[in-house]
Amino acid sequence: MKESIYKQHEENTDWLNRLSFYKDDMAILVKRLEEIASKNSATEVLANVEHFQNQFIIQRNNIDEIKHLVNQNETALKKEIESNPVAVDHRKMEYHAQEKELVEQFEKNFNELREAFNEFSAKWM
């Protein structure tokens, strides 16, 4: 499937902004997790703290990897424009389906993680 260069650029920009938002949101969640850990020494709490710490590290890495792929796609779009700037608004390139799938899957996973963390923090804050 092919899609216009401009449409793909708009999607890339949107995805990068959303991923930055999630990274900022995660920083807030990590602060809350640190607060819970400092106030509770129960084994059950500490096990959950460790679980969420690990999940946040994994999701932060996922954000970095997805951003890298999106930036690579953006670089490919720019090279295509530079190689032939004529009628760029009508040209199409192979659609970045892998990046779209990764962003959508990440958002689903992160939202589920945030929901689970909010339930946990409501219990222990």
N, C-alpha and C. Protein backbone atom coordinates (compact mmCIF):
# COMPACT_ATOMS: atom_id res chain seq x y z
N MET A 1 0.84 -1.18 0.00
CA MET A 1 0.00 0.00 0.00
C MET A 1 0.89 1.24 0.00
N LYS A 2 0.50 2.21 -0.77
CA LYS A 2 1.26 3.46 -0.84
C LYS A 2 0.41 4.59 -0.28
N GLU A 3 1.11 5.58 0.28
CA GLU A 3 0.43 6.73 0.90
C GLU A 3 1.25 7.97 0.56
N SER A 4 0.58 9.11 0.56
CA SER A 4 1.29 10.35 0.22
C SER A 4 2.38 10.65 1.24
N ILE A 5 3.42 11.30 0.75
CA ILE A 5 4.55 11.67 1.60
C ILE A 5 4.08 12.60 2.70
N TYR A 6 3.23 13.57 2.36
CA TYR A 6 2.76 14.52 3.37
C TYR A 6 1.93 13.84 4.46
N LYS A 7 1.07 12.93 4.05
CA LYS A 7 0.25 12.21 5.05
C LYS A 7 1.15 11.42 6.00
N GLN A 8 2.16 10.77 5.45
CA GLN A 8 3.08 10.00 6.30
C GLN A 8 3.86 10.93 7.23
N HIS A 9 4.26 12.08 6.72
CA HIS A 9 4.98 13.04 7.56
C HIS A 9 4.08 13.51 8.72
N GLU A 10 2.83 13.79 8.41
CA GLU A 10 1.89 14.21 9.47
C GLU A 10 1.73 13.12 10.52
N GLU A 11 1.61 11.88 10.08
CA GLU A 11 1.49 10.76 11.02
C GLU A 11 2.76 10.62 11.86
N ASN A 12 3.92 10.71 11.23
CA ASN A 12 5.17 10.62 11.97
C ASN A 12 5.24 11.69 13.06
N THR A 13 4.89 12.91 12.70
CA THR A 13 4.92 14.03 13.66
C THR A 13 3.96 13.76 14.81
N ASP A 14 2.76 13.30 14.49
CA ASP A 14 1.77 12.98 15.51
C ASP A 14 2.28 11.87 16.43
N TRP A 15 2.83 10.82 15.85
CA TRP A 15 3.33 9.71 16.66
C TRP A 15 4.46 10.15 17.58
N LEU A 16 5.38 10.94 17.06
CA LEU A 16 6.50 11.40 17.88
C LEU A 16 6.00 12.27 19.04
N ASN A 17 5.01 13.11 18.78
CA ASN A 17 4.43 13.93 19.85
C ASN A 17 3.74 13.07 20.89
N ARG A 18 2.99 12.07 20.44
CA ARG A 18 2.30 11.18 21.38
C ARG A 18 3.29 10.38 22.21
N LEU A 19 4.35 9.88 21.58
CA LEU A 19 5.35 9.12 22.32
C LEU A 19 6.06 10.00 23.35
N SER A 20 6.30 11.26 23.01
CA SER A 20 6.90 12.19 23.98
C SER A 20 5.96 12.42 25.16
N PHE A 21 4.66 12.53 24.87
CA PHE A 21 3.68 12.68 25.94
C PHE A 21 3.72 11.47 26.87
N TYR A 22 3.74 10.27 26.30
CA TYR A 22 3.77 9.06 27.12
C TYR A 22 5.04 8.99 27.97
N LYS A 23 6.14 9.44 27.43
CA LYS A 23 7.38 9.43 28.19
C LYS A 23 7.28 10.39 29.38
N ASP A 24 6.70 11.57 29.15
CA ASP A 24 6.47 12.53 30.23
C ASP A 24 5.50 11.97 31.27
N ASP A 25 4.44 11.34 30.80
CA ASP A 25 3.45 10.73 31.68
C ASP A 25 4.10 9.65 32.54
N MET A 26 4.97 8.87 31.92
CA MET A 26 5.65 7.81 32.65
C MET A 26 6.54 8.38 33.75
N ALA A 27 7.17 9.52 33.50
CA ALA A 27 8.01 10.14 34.52
C ALA A 27 7.17 10.49 35.75
N ILE A 28 5.95 10.93 35.54
CA ILE A 28 5.05 11.24 36.66
C ILE A 28 4.68 9.96 37.41
N LEU A 29 4.39 8.90 36.67
CA LEU A 29 4.05 7.62 37.30
C LEU A 29 5.23 7.08 38.12
N VAL A 30 6.43 7.23 37.60
CA VAL A 30 7.63 6.77 38.30
C VAL A 30 7.79 7.53 39.62
N LYS A 31 7.53 8.83 39.61
CA LYS A 31 7.61 9.63 40.85
C LYS A 31 6.59 9.12 41.87
N ARG A 32 5.38 8.83 41.41
CA ARG A 32 4.37 8.28 42.31
C ARG A 32 4.80 6.93 42.86
N LEU A 33 5.42 6.11 42.01
CA LEU A 33 5.90 4.80 42.43
C LEU A 33 6.97 4.96 43.50
N GLU A 34 7.88 5.91 43.31
CA GLU A 34 8.93 6.15 44.30
C GLU A 34 8.33 6.60 45.64
N GLU A 35 7.29 7.40 45.57
CA GLU A 35 6.61 7.86 46.79
C GLU A 35 5.97 6.67 47.52
N ILE A 36 5.32 5.80 46.79
CA ILE A 36 4.71 4.60 47.39
C ILE A 36 5.78 3.74 48.03
N ALA A 37 6.89 3.54 47.32
CA ALA A 37 7.97 2.70 47.84
C ALA A 37 8.57 3.28 49.11
N SER A 38 8.66 4.60 49.20
CA SER A 38 9.26 5.23 50.38
C SER A 38 8.35 5.16 51.60
N LYS A 39 7.05 5.00 51.37
CA LYS A 39 6.09 5.01 52.48
C LYS A 39 5.62 3.62 52.91
N ASN A 40 5.93 2.60 52.13
CA ASN A 40 5.42 1.26 52.41
C ASN A 40 6.54 0.24 52.29
N SER A 41 6.72 -0.56 53.33
CA SER A 41 7.78 -1.58 53.29
C SER A 41 7.22 -3.00 53.28
N ALA A 42 5.92 -3.13 53.14
CA ALA A 42 5.31 -4.46 53.11
C ALA A 42 5.81 -5.23 51.88
N THR A 43 6.01 -6.52 52.06
CA THR A 43 6.54 -7.37 50.98
C THR A 43 5.67 -7.29 49.73
N GLU A 44 4.35 -7.33 49.93
CA GLU A 44 3.41 -7.26 48.80
C GLU A 44 3.62 -5.96 48.02
N VAL A 45 3.78 -4.87 48.73
CA VAL A 45 3.95 -3.56 48.09
C VAL A 45 5.27 -3.53 47.33
N LEU A 46 6.34 -3.98 47.97
CA LEU A 46 7.65 -3.92 47.34
C LEU A 46 7.72 -4.82 46.10
N ALA A 47 7.04 -5.95 46.12
CA ALA A 47 7.00 -6.82 44.94
C ALA A 47 6.30 -6.10 43.78
N ASN A 48 5.21 -5.41 44.09
CA ASN A 48 4.51 -4.67 43.05
C ASN A 48 5.32 -3.46 42.58
N VAL A 49 6.02 -2.82 43.49
CA VAL A 49 6.88 -1.69 43.11
C VAL A 49 7.92 -2.17 42.10
N GLU A 50 8.55 -3.30 42.40
CA GLU A 50 9.56 -3.85 41.49
C GLU A 50 8.95 -4.20 40.13
N HIS A 51 7.76 -4.79 40.15
CA HIS A 51 7.06 -5.13 38.91
C HIS A 51 6.84 -3.88 38.07
N PHE A 52 6.31 -2.82 38.68
CA PHE A 52 6.03 -1.60 37.92
C PHE A 52 7.32 -0.91 37.48
N GLN A 53 8.36 -0.94 38.30
CA GLN A 53 9.65 -0.37 37.88
C GLN A 53 10.12 -1.06 36.60
N ASN A 54 10.06 -2.38 36.59
CA ASN A 54 10.48 -3.15 35.41
C ASN A 54 9.62 -2.82 34.19
N GLN A 55 8.32 -2.73 34.40
CA GLN A 55 7.43 -2.41 33.29
C GLN A 55 7.70 -1.02 32.73
N PHE A 56 7.96 -0.06 33.61
CA PHE A 56 8.25 1.30 33.14
C PHE A 56 9.56 1.33 32.35
N ILE A 57 10.55 0.57 32.78
CA ILE A 57 11.82 0.50 32.04
C ILE A 57 11.57 -0.09 30.65
N ILE A 58 10.81 -1.17 30.60
CA ILE A 58 10.50 -1.81 29.31
C ILE A 58 9.76 -0.84 28.39
N GLN A 59 8.76 -0.15 28.93
CA GLN A 59 7.98 0.77 28.10
C GLN A 59 8.81 1.98 27.66
N ARG A 60 9.71 2.45 28.51
CA ARG A 60 10.59 3.56 28.12
C ARG A 60 11.49 3.12 26.96
N ASN A 61 12.00 1.89 27.05
CA ASN A 61 12.81 1.35 25.94
C ASN A 61 11.98 1.21 24.67
N ASN A 62 10.74 0.76 24.82
CA ASN A 62 9.85 0.63 23.66
C ASN A 62 9.64 1.99 22.99
N ILE A 63 9.43 3.02 23.79
CA ILE A 63 9.26 4.37 23.24
C ILE A 63 10.49 4.75 22.43
N ASP A 64 11.67 4.54 23.01
CA ASP A 64 12.91 4.91 22.31
C ASP A 64 13.06 4.15 21.00
N GLU A 65 12.76 2.87 21.01
CA GLU A 65 12.88 2.06 19.79
C GLU A 65 11.88 2.50 18.72
N ILE A 66 10.65 2.77 19.13
CA ILE A 66 9.63 3.20 18.16
C ILE A 66 9.99 4.58 17.61
N LYS A 67 10.43 5.48 18.48
CA LYS A 67 10.83 6.81 18.01
C LYS A 67 11.95 6.70 16.99
N HIS A 68 12.88 5.80 17.23
CA HIS A 68 13.99 5.59 16.30
C HIS A 68 13.47 5.15 14.93
N LEU A 69 12.54 4.19 14.91
CA LEU A 69 11.98 3.72 13.64
C LEU A 69 11.20 4.82 12.92
N VAL A 70 10.43 5.59 13.68
CA VAL A 70 9.66 6.68 13.08
C VAL A 70 10.62 7.73 12.51
N ASN A 71 11.67 8.05 13.24
CA ASN A 71 12.66 9.01 12.74
C ASN A 71 13.36 8.49 11.49
N GLN A 72 13.63 7.19 11.43
CA GLN A 72 14.21 6.61 10.22
C GLN A 72 13.26 6.77 9.04
N ASN A 73 11.97 6.54 9.26
CA ASN A 73 10.98 6.72 8.20
C ASN A 73 10.95 8.18 7.76
N GLU A 74 11.01 9.08 8.71
CA GLU A 74 10.99 10.51 8.41
C GLU A 74 12.22 10.88 7.57
N THR A 75 13.36 10.30 7.89
CA THR A 75 14.58 10.55 7.12
C THR A 75 14.41 10.04 5.68
N ALA A 76 13.80 8.88 5.53
CA ALA A 76 13.56 8.33 4.19
C ALA A 76 12.63 9.24 3.39
N LEU A 77 11.62 9.80 4.04
CA LEU A 77 10.71 10.73 3.35
C LEU A 77 11.48 11.96 2.88
N LYS A 78 12.34 12.50 3.74
CA LYS A 78 13.11 13.70 3.39
C LYS A 78 14.05 13.42 2.23
N LYS A 79 14.69 12.24 2.25
CA LYS A 79 15.59 11.89 1.15
C LYS A 79 14.82 11.78 -0.17
N GLU A 80 13.62 11.23 -0.10
CA GLU A 80 12.79 11.11 -1.30
C GLU A 80 12.44 12.49 -1.84
N ILE A 81 12.11 13.41 -0.96
CA ILE A 81 11.77 14.78 -1.38
C ILE A 81 13.00 15.46 -1.98
N GLU A 82 14.15 15.32 -1.32
CA GLU A 82 15.37 15.96 -1.80
C GLU A 82 15.81 15.40 -3.15
N SER A 83 15.59 14.11 -3.36
CA SER A 83 16.03 13.49 -4.62
C SER A 83 15.16 13.93 -5.80
N ASN A 84 13.91 14.31 -5.52
CA ASN A 84 13.02 14.74 -6.60
C ASN A 84 11.92 15.63 -6.01
N PRO A 85 12.21 16.93 -5.85
CA PRO A 85 11.24 17.82 -5.21
C PRO A 85 10.02 18.18 -6.07
N VAL A 86 10.00 17.76 -7.33
CA VAL A 86 8.90 18.10 -8.22
C VAL A 86 7.64 17.32 -7.85
N ALA A 87 6.53 18.01 -7.73
CA ALA A 87 5.21 17.41 -7.47
C ALA A 87 5.22 16.52 -6.23
N VAL A 88 5.94 16.95 -5.22
CA VAL A 88 6.06 16.14 -4.01
C VAL A 88 4.70 15.93 -3.33
N ASP A 89 3.81 16.91 -3.49
CA ASP A 89 2.50 16.79 -2.84
C ASP A 89 1.61 15.74 -3.49
N HIS A 90 2.02 15.21 -4.63
CA HIS A 90 1.23 14.18 -5.30
C HIS A 90 1.90 12.80 -5.25
N ARG A 91 3.14 12.76 -4.76
CA ARG A 91 3.88 11.50 -4.77
C ARG A 91 3.56 10.65 -3.55
N LYS A 92 3.72 9.36 -3.77
CA LYS A 92 3.43 8.41 -2.69
C LYS A 92 4.65 7.53 -2.46
N MET A 93 4.73 7.03 -1.23
CA MET A 93 5.77 6.07 -0.86
C MET A 93 5.10 4.90 -0.16
N GLU A 94 5.85 3.82 -0.05
CA GLU A 94 5.32 2.66 0.66
C GLU A 94 4.89 3.07 2.06
N TYR A 95 3.69 2.66 2.45
CA TYR A 95 3.13 3.06 3.74
C TYR A 95 3.92 2.47 4.90
N HIS A 96 4.08 3.25 5.96
CA HIS A 96 4.85 2.83 7.14
C HIS A 96 3.97 2.04 8.12
N ALA A 97 3.52 0.91 7.65
CA ALA A 97 2.58 0.08 8.43
C ALA A 97 3.21 -0.48 9.69
N GLN A 98 4.49 -0.83 9.64
CA GLN A 98 5.15 -1.39 10.83
C GLN A 98 5.17 -0.36 11.96
N GLU A 99 5.51 0.88 11.64
CA GLU A 99 5.55 1.92 12.66
C GLU A 99 4.15 2.16 13.24
N LYS A 100 3.14 2.18 12.37
CA LYS A 100 1.77 2.38 12.84
C LYS A 100 1.37 1.26 13.81
N GLU A 101 1.66 0.03 13.44
CA GLU A 101 1.33 -1.11 14.30
C GLU A 101 2.05 -1.01 15.64
N LEU A 102 3.32 -0.64 15.62
CA LEU A 102 4.08 -0.52 16.86
C LEU A 102 3.53 0.58 17.77
N VAL A 103 3.18 1.71 17.20
CA VAL A 103 2.62 2.81 18.00
C VAL A 103 1.29 2.38 18.61
N GLU A 104 0.43 1.78 17.81
CA GLU A 104 -0.88 1.37 18.31
C GLU A 104 -0.75 0.31 19.40
N GLN A 105 0.13 -0.66 19.21
CA GLN A 105 0.33 -1.70 20.21
C GLN A 105 0.92 -1.11 21.49
N PHE A 106 1.88 -0.20 21.33
CA PHE A 106 2.48 0.45 22.49
C PHE A 106 1.40 1.18 23.29
N GLU A 107 0.57 1.97 22.61
CA GLU A 107 -0.47 2.74 23.31
C GLU A 107 -1.43 1.82 24.06
N LYS A 108 -1.81 0.74 23.45
CA LYS A 108 -2.69 -0.23 24.12
C LYS A 108 -2.02 -0.77 25.38
N ASN A 109 -0.77 -1.22 25.24
CA ASN A 109 -0.04 -1.77 26.39
C ASN A 109 0.18 -0.72 27.48
N PHE A 110 0.56 0.48 27.08
CA PHE A 110 0.84 1.51 28.07
C PHE A 110 -0.43 1.91 28.82
N ASN A 111 -1.53 2.03 28.11
CA ASN A 111 -2.78 2.40 28.77
C ASN A 111 -3.22 1.32 29.75
N GLU A 112 -3.02 0.06 29.41
CA GLU A 112 -3.34 -1.03 30.34
C GLU A 112 -2.41 -0.98 31.56
N LEU A 113 -1.13 -0.70 31.32
CA LEU A 113 -0.17 -0.58 32.42
C LEU A 113 -0.54 0.59 33.33
N ARG A 114 -0.87 1.73 32.74
CA ARG A 114 -1.25 2.90 33.53
C ARG A 114 -2.47 2.60 34.38
N GLU A 115 -3.46 1.92 33.80
CA GLU A 115 -4.67 1.58 34.54
C GLU A 115 -4.35 0.67 35.73
N ALA A 116 -3.52 -0.35 35.50
CA ALA A 116 -3.12 -1.26 36.58
C ALA A 116 -2.34 -0.51 37.65
N PHE A 117 -1.47 0.38 37.22
CA PHE A 117 -0.68 1.15 38.19
C PHE A 117 -1.59 2.07 39.00
N ASN A 118 -2.55 2.71 38.35
CA ASN A 118 -3.46 3.61 39.07
C ASN A 118 -4.27 2.85 40.12
N GLU A 119 -4.68 1.63 39.81
CA GLU A 119 -5.39 0.80 40.79
C GLU A 119 -4.46 0.49 41.98
N PHE A 120 -3.23 0.12 41.67
CA PHE A 120 -2.25 -0.16 42.71
C PHE A 120 -1.96 1.08 43.56
N SER A 121 -1.74 2.20 42.92
CA SER A 121 -1.39 3.41 43.67
C SER A 121 -2.57 3.92 44.50
N ALA A 122 -3.79 3.74 44.00
CA ALA A 122 -4.95 4.16 44.78
C ALA A 122 -5.03 3.38 46.08
N LYS A 123 -4.60 2.14 46.04
CA LYS A 123 -4.65 1.28 47.22
C LYS A 123 -3.56 1.64 48.24
N TRP A 124 -2.39 2.12 47.75
CA TRP A 124 -1.24 2.27 48.63
C TRP A 124 -0.76 3.72 48.81
N MET A 125 -1.40 4.69 48.21
CA MET A 125 -0.96 6.09 48.38
C MET A 125 -1.47 6.64 49.70
